[in-house]
Amino acid sequence: MANTRDPKRYATTDGQPPDPDYDGHAPKPINPDTGQHGAYWILSDEERAKGFVRPLRCTYVHTKCGVATSMGLKLSETYAREPGFYGATFCVGCGEHFPVAEFKWDDGKVVGS
């Protein structure tokens, strides 16, 4: 996945341009202290304003460890607008990213579906 995307459709969680020296699935590399990327791709404000195709949910549970992870509103809105946007997500219990199929929303639905 290229680290450059159409700014009319995509943005970063930190509002900054992607790191030009990092060519991964996120716009910034992983911080070894947290296990999370410095920023994540989200849909732009304009794209998210088009409405949601799924309920807005902010918390999911990792089925492997049972720990709940909550995320910020723009990430939550991106999932609600385009459920398949992410292929992996972060678990605060494990401190790593895993495929979205390993997580369930609070209502029991599989993340990314």
PDB file of N, CA and C in Angstrom:
ATOM      1  N   MET A   1       0.846  -1.170   0.000  1.00  0.00           N
ATOM      2  CA  MET A   1       0.000   0.000   0.000  1.00  0.00           C
ATOM      3  C   MET A   1       0.894   1.237   0.000  1.00  0.00           C
ATOM      4  N   ALA A   2       0.685   2.068  -0.958  1.00  0.00           N
ATOM      5  CA  ALA A   2       1.515   3.264  -1.070  1.00  0.00           C
ATOM      6  C   ALA A   2       1.219   4.237   0.064  1.00  0.00           C
ATOM      7  N   ASN A   3       2.215   5.010   0.412  1.00  0.00           N
ATOM      8  CA  ASN A   3       2.070   5.951   1.512  1.00  0.00           C
ATOM      9  C   ASN A   3       1.617   7.327   1.023  1.00  0.00           C
ATOM     10  N   THR A   4       1.074   7.403  -0.164  1.00  0.00           N
ATOM     11  CA  THR A   4       0.500   8.643  -0.671  1.00  0.00           C
ATOM     12  C   THR A   4      -0.910   8.337  -1.134  1.00  0.00           C
ATOM     13  N   ARG A   5      -1.841   9.148  -0.758  1.00  0.00           N
ATOM     14  CA  ARG A   5      -3.240   8.927  -1.109  1.00  0.00           C
ATOM     15  C   ARG A   5      -3.885  10.243  -1.476  1.00  0.00           C
ATOM     16  N   ASP A   6      -4.980  10.153  -2.195  1.00  0.00           N
ATOM     17  CA  ASP A   6      -5.731  11.327  -2.624  1.00  0.00           C
ATOM     18  C   ASP A   6      -6.245  12.102  -1.401  1.00  0.00           C
ATOM     19  N   PRO A   7      -5.791  13.341  -1.183  1.00  0.00           N
ATOM     20  CA  PRO A   7      -6.201  14.099  -0.005  1.00  0.00           C
ATOM     21  C   PRO A   7      -7.682  14.468   0.014  1.00  0.00           C
ATOM     22  N   LYS A   8      -8.369  14.341  -1.101  1.00  0.00           N
ATOM     23  CA  LYS A   8      -9.812  14.597  -1.097  1.00  0.00           C
ATOM     24  C   LYS A   8     -10.571  13.425  -0.477  1.00  0.00           C
ATOM     25  N   ARG A   9      -9.952  12.253  -0.500  1.00  0.00           N
ATOM     26  CA  ARG A   9     -10.607  11.052   0.040  1.00  0.00           C
ATOM     27  C   ARG A   9      -9.990  10.596   1.355  1.00  0.00           C
ATOM     28  N   TYR A  10      -8.717  10.851   1.558  1.00  0.00           N
ATOM     29  CA  TYR A  10      -8.007  10.335   2.731  1.00  0.00           C
ATOM     30  C   TYR A  10      -7.329  11.444   3.521  1.00  0.00           C
ATOM     31  N   ALA A  11      -7.134  11.179   4.813  1.00  0.00           N
ATOM     32  CA  ALA A  11      -6.411  12.088   5.698  1.00  0.00           C
ATOM     33  C   ALA A  11      -5.655  11.222   6.706  1.00  0.00           C
ATOM     34  N   THR A  12      -4.925  11.869   7.587  1.00  0.00           N
ATOM     35  CA  THR A  12      -4.216  11.150   8.643  1.00  0.00           C
ATOM     36  C   THR A  12      -4.805  11.566   9.996  1.00  0.00           C
ATOM     37  N   THR A  13      -4.710  10.678  10.972  1.00  0.00           N
ATOM     38  CA  THR A  13      -5.278  10.988  12.284  1.00  0.00           C
ATOM     39  C   THR A  13      -4.595  12.162  12.951  1.00  0.00           C
ATOM     40  N   ASP A  14      -3.352  12.431  12.615  1.00  0.00           N
ATOM     41  CA  ASP A  14      -2.658  13.568  13.239  1.00  0.00           C
ATOM     42  C   ASP A  14      -2.730  14.844  12.395  1.00  0.00           C
ATOM     43  N   GLY A  15      -3.391  14.762  11.231  1.00  0.00           N
ATOM     44  CA  GLY A  15      -3.552  15.935  10.383  1.00  0.00           C
ATOM     45  C   GLY A  15      -2.297  16.358   9.641  1.00  0.00           C
ATOM     46  N   GLN A  16      -1.242  15.570   9.745  1.00  0.00           N
ATOM     47  CA  GLN A  16       0.033  15.896   9.106  1.00  0.00           C
ATOM     48  C   GLN A  16       0.234  15.021   7.868  1.00  0.00           C
ATOM     49  N   PRO A  17       1.114  15.440   6.956  1.00  0.00           N
ATOM     50  CA  PRO A  17       1.398  14.598   5.799  1.00  0.00           C
ATOM     51  C   PRO A  17       2.079  13.296   6.238  1.00  0.00           C
ATOM     52  N   PRO A  18       1.961  12.245   5.428  1.00  0.00           N
ATOM     53  CA  PRO A  18       2.626  10.986   5.786  1.00  0.00           C
ATOM     54  C   PRO A  18       4.144  11.126   5.821  1.00  0.00           C
ATOM     55  N   ASP A  19       4.768  10.255   6.574  1.00  0.00           N
ATOM     56  CA  ASP A  19       6.224  10.224   6.669  1.00  0.00           C
ATOM     57  C   ASP A  19       6.774   9.740   5.327  1.00  0.00           C
ATOM     58  N   PRO A  20       7.541  10.561   4.604  1.00  0.00           N
ATOM     59  CA  PRO A  20       8.027  10.169   3.279  1.00  0.00           C
ATOM     60  C   PRO A  20       9.030   9.017   3.314  1.00  0.00           C
ATOM     61  N   ASP A  21       9.620   8.764   4.464  1.00  0.00           N
ATOM     62  CA  ASP A  21      10.611   7.686   4.579  1.00  0.00           C
ATOM     63  C   ASP A  21       9.998   6.364   5.029  1.00  0.00           C
ATOM     64  N   TYR A  22       8.676   6.350   5.250  1.00  0.00           N
ATOM     65  CA  TYR A  22       8.010   5.132   5.715  1.00  0.00           C
ATOM     66  C   TYR A  22       7.010   4.681   4.665  1.00  0.00           C
ATOM     67  N   ASP A  23       7.155   3.465   4.193  1.00  0.00           N
ATOM     68  CA  ASP A  23       6.255   2.946   3.159  1.00  0.00           C
ATOM     69  C   ASP A  23       5.521   1.720   3.708  1.00  0.00           C
ATOM     70  N   GLY A  24       4.644   1.961   4.673  1.00  0.00           N
ATOM     71  CA  GLY A  24       3.892   0.880   5.274  1.00  0.00           C
ATOM     72  C   GLY A  24       2.402   1.075   5.080  1.00  0.00           C
ATOM     73  N   HIS A  25       1.613   0.359   5.863  1.00  0.00           N
ATOM     74  CA  HIS A  25       0.160   0.429   5.753  1.00  0.00           C
ATOM     75  C   HIS A  25      -0.431   1.642   6.453  1.00  0.00           C
ATOM     76  N   ALA A  26       0.382   2.374   7.170  1.00  0.00           N
ATOM     77  CA  ALA A  26      -0.054   3.583   7.861  1.00  0.00           C
ATOM     78  C   ALA A  26       0.855   4.726   7.414  1.00  0.00           C
ATOM     79  N   PRO A  27       0.437   5.972   7.672  1.00  0.00           N
ATOM     80  CA  PRO A  27       1.259   7.099   7.226  1.00  0.00           C
ATOM     81  C   PRO A  27       2.509   7.357   8.068  1.00  0.00           C
ATOM     82  N   LYS A  28       2.606   6.725   9.224  1.00  0.00           N
ATOM     83  CA  LYS A  28       3.764   6.896  10.096  1.00  0.00           C
ATOM     84  C   LYS A  28       4.162   5.530  10.659  1.00  0.00           C
ATOM     85  N   PRO A  29       5.428   5.338  10.972  1.00  0.00           N
ATOM     86  CA  PRO A  29       5.873   4.046  11.514  1.00  0.00           C
ATOM     87  C   PRO A  29       5.366   3.793  12.933  1.00  0.00           C
ATOM     88  N   ILE A  30       5.537   2.570  13.389  1.00  0.00           N
ATOM     89  CA  ILE A  30       5.137   2.182  14.740  1.00  0.00           C
ATOM     90  C   ILE A  30       6.100   2.766  15.758  1.00  0.00           C
ATOM     91  N   ASN A  31       5.536   3.297  16.818  1.00  0.00           N
ATOM     92  CA  ASN A  31       6.316   3.776  17.955  1.00  0.00           C
ATOM     93  C   ASN A  31       6.591   2.560  18.836  1.00  0.00           C
ATOM     94  N   PRO A  32       7.843   2.178  19.027  1.00  0.00           N
ATOM     95  CA  PRO A  32       8.146   0.980  19.806  1.00  0.00           C
ATOM     96  C   PRO A  32       7.678   1.056  21.264  1.00  0.00           C
ATOM     97  N   ASP A  33       7.489   2.262  21.787  1.00  0.00           N
ATOM     98  CA  ASP A  33       7.023   2.414  23.171  1.00  0.00           C
ATOM     99  C   ASP A  33       5.543   2.072  23.328  1.00  0.00           C
ATOM    100  N   THR A  34       4.753   2.299  22.267  1.00  0.00           N
ATOM    101  CA  THR A  34       3.307   2.078  22.364  1.00  0.00           C
ATOM    102  C   THR A  34       2.810   0.908  21.526  1.00  0.00           C
ATOM    103  N   GLY A  35       3.564   0.541  20.494  1.00  0.00           N
ATOM    104  CA  GLY A  35       3.112  -0.483  19.561  1.00  0.00           C
ATOM    105  C   GLY A  35       2.167   0.052  18.505  1.00  0.00           C
ATOM    106  N   GLN A  36       1.816   1.331  18.602  1.00  0.00           N
ATOM    107  CA  GLN A  36       0.908   1.944  17.639  1.00  0.00           C
ATOM    108  C   GLN A  36       1.684   2.809  16.648  1.00  0.00           C
ATOM    109  N   HIS A  37       1.090   2.977  15.468  1.00  0.00           N
ATOM    110  CA  HIS A  37       1.686   3.875  14.481  1.00  0.00           C
ATOM    111  C   HIS A  37       1.591   5.310  14.986  1.00  0.00           C
ATOM    112  N   GLY A  38       2.472   6.165  14.496  1.00  0.00           N
ATOM    113  CA  GLY A  38       2.439   7.578  14.849  1.00  0.00           C
ATOM    114  C   GLY A  38       1.186   8.266  14.351  1.00  0.00           C
ATOM    115  N   ALA A  39       0.581   7.725  13.305  1.00  0.00           N
ATOM    116  CA  ALA A  39      -0.685   8.212  12.751  1.00  0.00           C
ATOM    117  C   ALA A  39      -1.278   7.086  11.921  1.00  0.00           C
ATOM    118  N   TYR A  40      -2.573   7.195  11.669  1.00  0.00           N
ATOM    119  CA  TYR A  40      -3.286   6.194  10.872  1.00  0.00           C
ATOM    120  C   TYR A  40      -4.038   6.887   9.748  1.00  0.00           C
ATOM    121  N   TRP A  41      -4.298   6.147   8.677  1.00  0.00           N
ATOM    122  CA  TRP A  41      -5.140   6.659   7.601  1.00  0.00           C
ATOM    123  C   TRP A  41      -6.591   6.665   8.080  1.00  0.00           C
ATOM    124  N   ILE A  42      -7.311   7.698   7.686  1.00  0.00           N
ATOM    125  CA  ILE A  42      -8.747   7.787   7.906  1.00  0.00           C
ATOM    126  C   ILE A  42      -9.356   8.344   6.629  1.00  0.00           C
ATOM    127  N   LEU A  43     -10.659   8.229   6.510  1.00  0.00           N
ATOM    128  CA  LEU A  43     -11.341   8.904   5.412  1.00  0.00           C
ATOM    129  C   LEU A  43     -11.371  10.394   5.721  1.00  0.00           C
ATOM    130  N   SER A  44     -11.326  11.212   4.694  1.00  0.00           N
ATOM    131  CA  SER A  44     -11.344  12.665   4.873  1.00  0.00           C
ATOM    132  C   SER A  44     -12.664  13.111   5.511  1.00  0.00           C
ATOM    133  N   ASP A  45     -12.677  14.324   6.027  1.00  0.00           N
ATOM    134  CA  ASP A  45     -13.909  14.891   6.603  1.00  0.00           C
ATOM    135  C   ASP A  45     -15.032  14.838   5.581  1.00  0.00           C
ATOM    136  N   GLU A  46     -14.715  15.182   4.340  1.00  0.00           N
ATOM    137  CA  GLU A  46     -15.714  15.188   3.266  1.00  0.00           C
ATOM    138  C   GLU A  46     -16.298  13.792   3.039  1.00  0.00           C
ATOM    139  N   GLU A  47     -15.437  12.776   3.027  1.00  0.00           N
ATOM    140  CA  GLU A  47     -15.910  11.395   2.817  1.00  0.00           C
ATOM    141  C   GLU A  47     -16.768  10.921   3.991  1.00  0.00           C
ATOM    142  N   ARG A  48     -16.336  11.223   5.216  1.00  0.00           N
ATOM    143  CA  ARG A  48     -17.094  10.780   6.389  1.00  0.00           C
ATOM    144  C   ARG A  48     -18.426  11.508   6.490  1.00  0.00           C
ATOM    145  N   ALA A  49     -18.487  12.744   5.975  1.00  0.00           N
ATOM    146  CA  ALA A  49     -19.725  13.530   6.017  1.00  0.00           C
ATOM    147  C   ALA A  49     -20.804  12.980   5.090  1.00  0.00           C
ATOM    148  N   LYS A  50     -20.448  12.073   4.212  1.00  0.00           N
ATOM    149  CA  LYS A  50     -21.426  11.477   3.293  1.00  0.00           C
ATOM    150  C   LYS A  50     -22.383  10.529   4.013  1.00  0.00           C
ATOM    151  N   GLY A  51     -22.074  10.186   5.255  1.00  0.00           N
ATOM    152  CA  GLY A  51     -22.963   9.328   6.038  1.00  0.00           C
ATOM    153  C   GLY A  51     -22.362   7.960   6.265  1.00  0.00           C
ATOM    154  N   PHE A  52     -22.997   7.222   7.143  1.00  0.00           N
ATOM    155  CA  PHE A  52     -22.483   5.930   7.566  1.00  0.00           C
ATOM    156  C   PHE A  52     -23.345   4.792   7.032  1.00  0.00           C
ATOM    157  N   VAL A  53     -22.700   3.688   6.722  1.00  0.00           N
ATOM    158  CA  VAL A  53     -23.407   2.488   6.262  1.00  0.00           C
ATOM    159  C   VAL A  53     -23.526   1.462   7.395  1.00  0.00           C
ATOM    160  N   ARG A  54     -22.844   1.711   8.498  1.00  0.00           N
ATOM    161  CA  ARG A  54     -22.901   0.869   9.694  1.00  0.00           C
ATOM    162  C   ARG A  54     -23.034   1.794  10.904  1.00  0.00           C
ATOM    163  N   PRO A  55     -23.458   1.242  12.041  1.00  0.00           N
ATOM    164  CA  PRO A  55     -23.550   2.086  13.246  1.00  0.00           C
ATOM    165  C   PRO A  55     -22.177   2.635  13.645  1.00  0.00           C
ATOM    166  N   LEU A  56     -22.191   3.794  14.272  1.00  0.00           N
ATOM    167  CA  LEU A  56     -20.962   4.386  14.793  1.00  0.00           C
ATOM    168  C   LEU A  56     -20.623   3.676  16.101  1.00  0.00           C
ATOM    169  N   ARG A  57     -19.490   2.993  16.101  1.00  0.00           N
ATOM    170  CA  ARG A  57     -19.039   2.248  17.279  1.00  0.00           C
ATOM    171  C   ARG A  57     -17.612   2.682  17.598  1.00  0.00           C
ATOM    172  N   CYS A  58     -17.297   2.793  18.875  1.00  0.00           N
ATOM    173  CA  CYS A  58     -15.975   3.278  19.271  1.00  0.00           C
ATOM    174  C   CYS A  58     -15.143   2.244  20.020  1.00  0.00           C
ATOM    175  N   THR A  59     -15.731   1.115  20.386  1.00  0.00           N
ATOM    176  CA  THR A  59     -15.021   0.118  21.185  1.00  0.00           C
ATOM    177  C   THR A  59     -15.187  -1.265  20.582  1.00  0.00           C
ATOM    178  N   TYR A  60     -14.087  -1.999  20.512  1.00  0.00           N
ATOM    179  CA  TYR A  60     -14.116  -3.386  20.056  1.00  0.00           C
ATOM    180  C   TYR A  60     -13.327  -4.256  21.028  1.00  0.00           C
ATOM    181  N   VAL A  61     -13.585  -5.562  20.987  1.00  0.00           N
ATOM    182  CA  VAL A  61     -12.945  -6.506  21.899  1.00  0.00           C
ATOM    183  C   VAL A  61     -12.144  -7.508  21.084  1.00  0.00           C
ATOM    184  N   HIS A  62     -10.911  -7.752  21.505  1.00  0.00           N
ATOM    185  CA  HIS A  62     -10.068  -8.754  20.858  1.00  0.00           C
ATOM    186  C   HIS A  62     -10.526 -10.127  21.353  1.00  0.00           C
ATOM    187  N   THR A  63     -10.956 -10.988  20.433  1.00  0.00           N
ATOM    188  CA  THR A  63     -11.489 -12.291  20.834  1.00  0.00           C
ATOM    189  C   THR A  63     -10.414 -13.204  21.403  1.00  0.00           C
ATOM    190  N   LYS A  64      -9.150 -12.936  21.126  1.00  0.00           N
ATOM    191  CA  LYS A  64      -8.057 -13.773  21.642  1.00  0.00           C
ATOM    192  C   LYS A  64      -7.736 -13.479  23.105  1.00  0.00           C
ATOM    193  N   CYS A  65      -7.766 -12.203  23.510  1.00  0.00           N
ATOM    194  CA  CYS A  65      -7.385 -11.854  24.883  1.00  0.00           C
ATOM    195  C   CYS A  65      -8.540 -11.300  25.714  1.00  0.00           C
ATOM    196  N   GLY A  66      -9.638 -10.898  25.045  1.00  0.00           N
ATOM    197  CA  GLY A  66     -10.812 -10.400  25.758  1.00  0.00           C
ATOM    198  C   GLY A  66     -10.742  -8.953  26.199  1.00  0.00           C
ATOM    199  N   VAL A  67      -9.701  -8.230  25.801  1.00  0.00           N
ATOM    200  CA  VAL A  67      -9.538  -6.836  26.210  1.00  0.00           C
ATOM    201  C   VAL A  67     -10.240  -5.908  25.214  1.00  0.00           C
ATOM    202  N   ALA A  68     -10.933  -4.893  25.753  1.00  0.00           N
ATOM    203  CA  ALA A  68     -11.611  -3.893  24.927  1.00  0.00           C
ATOM    204  C   ALA A  68     -10.658  -2.758  24.583  1.00  0.00           C
ATOM    205  N   THR A  69     -10.725  -2.300  23.346  1.00  0.00           N
ATOM    206  CA  THR A  69      -9.945  -1.159  22.871  1.00  0.00           C
ATOM    207  C   THR A  69     -10.921  -0.103  22.386  1.00  0.00           C
ATOM    208  N   SER A  70     -10.732   1.130  22.786  1.00  0.00           N
ATOM    209  CA  SER A  70     -11.547   2.246  22.305  1.00  0.00           C
ATOM    210  C   SER A  70     -10.697   3.105  21.391  1.00  0.00           C
ATOM    211  N   MET A  71     -11.332   3.661  20.383  1.00  0.00           N
ATOM    212  CA  MET A  71     -10.599   4.482  19.419  1.00  0.00           C
ATOM    213  C   MET A  71     -11.251   5.847  19.283  1.00  0.00           C
ATOM    214  N   GLY A  72     -10.528   6.750  18.666  1.00  0.00           N
ATOM    215  CA  GLY A  72     -11.010   8.105  18.462  1.00  0.00           C
ATOM    216  C   GLY A  72     -12.159   8.180  17.468  1.00  0.00           C
ATOM    217  N   LEU A  73     -12.849   9.306  17.493  1.00  0.00           N
ATOM    218  CA  LEU A  73     -14.046   9.491  16.685  1.00  0.00           C
ATOM    219  C   LEU A  73     -13.783   9.369  15.183  1.00  0.00           C
ATOM    220  N   LYS A  74     -12.710   9.954  14.676  1.00  0.00           N
ATOM    221  CA  LYS A  74     -12.461   9.905  13.227  1.00  0.00           C
ATOM    222  C   LYS A  74     -12.173   8.491  12.747  1.00  0.00           C
ATOM    223  N   LEU A  75     -11.482   7.678  13.563  1.00  0.00           N
ATOM    224  CA  LEU A  75     -11.285   6.267  13.222  1.00  0.00           C
ATOM    225  C   LEU A  75     -12.628   5.541  13.239  1.00  0.00           C
ATOM    226  N   SER A  76     -13.439   5.806  14.268  1.00  0.00           N
ATOM    227  CA  SER A  76     -14.753   5.177  14.387  1.00  0.00           C
ATOM    228  C   SER A  76     -15.646   5.543  13.204  1.00  0.00           C
ATOM    229  N   GLU A  77     -15.616   6.810  12.821  1.00  0.00           N
ATOM    230  CA  GLU A  77     -16.422   7.250  11.682  1.00  0.00           C
ATOM    231  C   GLU A  77     -15.952   6.611  10.378  1.00  0.00           C
ATOM    232  N   THR A  78     -14.650   6.392  10.244  1.00  0.00           N
ATOM    233  CA  THR A  78     -14.126   5.726   9.050  1.00  0.00           C
ATOM    234  C   THR A  78     -14.658   4.300   8.968  1.00  0.00           C
ATOM    235  N   TYR A  79     -14.644   3.559  10.070  1.00  0.00           N
ATOM    236  CA  TYR A  79     -15.228   2.213  10.096  1.00  0.00           C
ATOM    237  C   TYR A  79     -16.714   2.248   9.766  1.00  0.00           C
ATOM    238  N   ALA A  80     -17.446   3.244  10.290  1.00  0.00           N
ATOM    239  CA  ALA A  80     -18.887   3.332  10.058  1.00  0.00           C
ATOM    240  C   ALA A  80     -19.208   3.682   8.602  1.00  0.00           C
ATOM    241  N   ARG A  81     -18.370   4.479   7.994  1.00  0.00           N
ATOM    242  CA  ARG A  81     -18.581   4.880   6.594  1.00  0.00           C
ATOM    243  C   ARG A  81     -18.161   3.775   5.633  1.00  0.00           C
ATOM    244  N   GLU A  82     -17.007   3.139   5.906  1.00  0.00           N
ATOM    245  CA  GLU A  82     -16.438   2.130   5.011  1.00  0.00           C
ATOM    246  C   GLU A  82     -15.904   0.968   5.865  1.00  0.00           C
ATOM    247  N   PRO A  83     -16.773   0.019   6.230  1.00  0.00           N
ATOM    248  CA  PRO A  83     -16.396  -1.038   7.179  1.00  0.00           C
ATOM    249  C   PRO A  83     -15.145  -1.828   6.814  1.00  0.00           C
ATOM    250  N   GLY A  84     -14.860  -2.007   5.551  1.00  0.00           N
ATOM    251  CA  GLY A  84     -13.695  -2.775   5.128  1.00  0.00           C
ATOM    252  C   GLY A  84     -12.435  -1.947   4.930  1.00  0.00           C
ATOM    253  N   PHE A  85     -12.426  -0.710   5.393  1.00  0.00           N
ATOM    254  CA  PHE A  85     -11.306   0.207   5.178  1.00  0.00           C
ATOM    255  C   PHE A  85      -9.997  -0.334   5.742  1.00  0.00           C
ATOM    256  N   TYR A  86     -10.065  -0.933   6.918  1.00  0.00           N
ATOM    257  CA  TYR A  86      -8.857  -1.434   7.579  1.00  0.00           C
ATOM    258  C   TYR A  86      -8.793  -2.951   7.505  1.00  0.00           C
ATOM    259  N   GLY A  87      -7.598  -3.475   7.334  1.00  0.00           N
ATOM    260  CA  GLY A  87      -7.393  -4.920   7.334  1.00  0.00           C
ATOM    261  C   GLY A  87      -6.918  -5.434   8.679  1.00  0.00           C
ATOM    262  N   ALA A  88      -6.395  -4.526   9.490  1.00  0.00           N
ATOM    263  CA  ALA A  88      -5.900  -4.880  10.820  1.00  0.00           C
ATOM    264  C   ALA A  88      -6.213  -3.724  11.756  1.00  0.00           C
ATOM    265  N   THR A  89      -6.229  -4.029  13.040  1.00  0.00           N
ATOM    266  CA  THR A  89      -6.447  -2.991  14.033  1.00  0.00           C
ATOM    267  C   THR A  89      -5.657  -3.327  15.291  1.00  0.00           C
ATOM    268  N   PHE A  90      -5.579  -2.354  16.189  1.00  0.00           N
ATOM    269  CA  PHE A  90      -4.716  -2.456  17.351  1.00  0.00           C
ATOM    270  C   PHE A  90      -5.464  -3.006  18.565  1.00  0.00           C
ATOM    271  N   CYS A  91      -4.792  -3.841  19.339  1.00  0.00           N
ATOM    272  CA  CYS A  91      -5.313  -4.339  20.618  1.00  0.00           C
ATOM    273  C   CYS A  91      -4.477  -3.733  21.736  1.00  0.00           C
ATOM    274  N   VAL A  92      -5.123  -2.989  22.649  1.00  0.00           N
ATOM    275  CA  VAL A  92      -4.371  -2.387  23.753  1.00  0.00           C
ATOM    276  C   VAL A  92      -3.911  -3.445  24.751  1.00  0.00           C
ATOM    277  N   GLY A  93      -4.611  -4.570  24.813  1.00  0.00           N
ATOM    278  CA  GLY A  93      -4.217  -5.639  25.723  1.00  0.00           C
ATOM    279  C   GLY A  93      -2.943  -6.334  25.287  1.00  0.00           C
ATOM    280  N   CYS A  94      -2.841  -6.615  24.005  1.00  0.00           N
ATOM    281  CA  CYS A  94      -1.682  -7.314  23.447  1.00  0.00           C
ATOM    282  C   CYS A  94      -0.578  -6.356  23.017  1.00  0.00           C
ATOM    283  N   GLY A  95      -0.944  -5.095  22.750  1.00  0.00           N
ATOM    284  CA  GLY A  95       0.037  -4.100  22.314  1.00  0.00           C
ATOM    285  C   GLY A  95       0.507  -4.295  20.888  1.00  0.00           C
ATOM    286  N   GLU A  96      -0.349  -4.923  20.060  1.00  0.00           N
ATOM    287  CA  GLU A  96       0.002  -5.196  18.662  1.00  0.00           C
ATOM    288  C   GLU A  96      -1.225  -5.052  17.767  1.00  0.00           C
ATOM    289  N   HIS A  97      -0.965  -5.049  16.456  1.00  0.00           N
ATOM    290  CA  HIS A  97      -2.023  -5.052  15.458  1.00  0.00           C
ATOM    291  C   HIS A  97      -2.330  -6.492  15.047  1.00  0.00           C
ATOM    292  N   PHE A  98      -3.613  -6.759  14.809  1.00  0.00           N
ATOM    293  CA  PHE A  98      -4.071  -8.078  14.369  1.00  0.00           C
ATOM    294  C   PHE A  98      -5.137  -7.892  13.310  1.00  0.00           C
ATOM    295  N   PRO A  99      -5.428  -8.939  12.502  1.00  0.00           N
ATOM    296  CA  PRO A  99      -6.496  -8.835  11.510  1.00  0.00           C
ATOM    297  C   PRO A  99      -7.830  -8.450  12.165  1.00  0.00           C
ATOM    298  N   VAL A 100      -8.603  -7.612  11.490  1.00  0.00           N
ATOM    299  CA  VAL A 100      -9.866  -7.138  12.055  1.00  0.00           C
ATOM    300  C   VAL A 100     -10.821  -8.285  12.387  1.00  0.00           C
ATOM    301  N   ALA A 101     -10.718  -9.405  11.699  1.00  0.00           N
ATOM    302  CA  ALA A 101     -11.610 -10.547  11.957  1.00  0.00           C
ATOM    303  C   ALA A 101     -11.434 -11.116  13.367  1.00  0.00           C
ATOM    304  N   GLU A 102     -10.342 -10.751  14.056  1.00  0.00           N
ATOM    305  CA  GLU A 102     -10.110 -11.219  15.423  1.00  0.00           C
ATOM    306  C   GLU A 102     -10.805 -10.339  16.461  1.00  0.00           C
ATOM    307  N   PHE A 103     -11.561  -9.343  16.022  1.00  0.00           N
ATOM    308  CA  PHE A 103     -12.185  -8.390  16.933  1.00  0.00           C
ATOM    309  C   PHE A 103     -13.690  -8.344  16.722  1.00  0.00           C
ATOM    310  N   LYS A 104     -14.410  -8.077  17.807  1.00  0.00           N
ATOM    311  CA  LYS A 104     -15.860  -7.890  17.733  1.00  0.00           C
ATOM    312  C   LYS A 104     -16.211  -6.548  18.371  1.00  0.00           C
ATOM    313  N   TRP A 105     -17.239  -5.926  17.797  1.00  0.00           N
ATOM    314  CA  TRP A 105     -17.773  -4.699  18.381  1.00  0.00           C
ATOM    315  C   TRP A 105     -18.502  -5.056  19.668  1.00  0.00           C
ATOM    316  N   ASP A 106     -18.808  -4.054  20.462  1.00  0.00           N
ATOM    317  CA  ASP A 106     -19.562  -4.267  21.705  1.00  0.00           C
ATOM    318  C   ASP A 106     -20.880  -5.019  21.464  1.00  0.00           C
ATOM    319  N   ASP A 107     -21.460  -4.844  20.276  1.00  0.00           N
ATOM    320  CA  ASP A 107     -22.742  -5.506  19.984  1.00  0.00           C
ATOM    321  C   ASP A 107     -22.545  -6.930  19.429  1.00  0.00           C
ATOM    322  N   GLY A 108     -21.292  -7.409  19.369  1.00  0.00           N
ATOM    323  CA  GLY A 108     -21.029  -8.781  18.949  1.00  0.00           C
ATOM    324  C   GLY A 108     -20.716  -8.973  17.472  1.00  0.00           C
ATOM    325  N   LYS A 109     -20.918  -7.937  16.657  1.00  0.00           N
ATOM    326  CA  LYS A 109     -20.607  -8.039  15.223  1.00  0.00           C
ATOM    327  C   LYS A 109     -19.101  -8.008  15.012  1.00  0.00           C
ATOM    328  N   VAL A 110     -18.637  -8.742  14.011  1.00  0.00           N
ATOM    329  CA  VAL A 110     -17.218  -8.781  13.697  1.00  0.00           C
ATOM    330  C   VAL A 110     -16.777  -7.442  13.101  1.00  0.00           C
ATOM    331  N   VAL A 111     -15.674  -6.915  13.570  1.00  0.00           N
ATOM    332  CA  VAL A 111     -15.126  -5.650  13.063  1.00  0.00           C
ATOM    333  C   VAL A 111     -14.772  -5.846  11.578  1.00  0.00           C
ATOM    334  N   GLY A 112     -15.071  -4.835  10.778  1.00  0.00           N
ATOM    335  CA  GLY A 112     -14.762  -4.879   9.359  1.00  0.00           C
ATOM    336  C   GLY A 112     -15.847  -5.525   8.518  1.00  0.00           C
ATOM    337  N   SER A 113     -16.949  -5.932   9.149  1.00  0.00           N
ATOM    338  CA  SER A 113     -18.028  -6.567   8.378  1.00  0.00           C
ATOM    339  C   SER A 113     -19.238  -5.657   8.283  1.00  0.00           C
TER     340      SER A 113
END
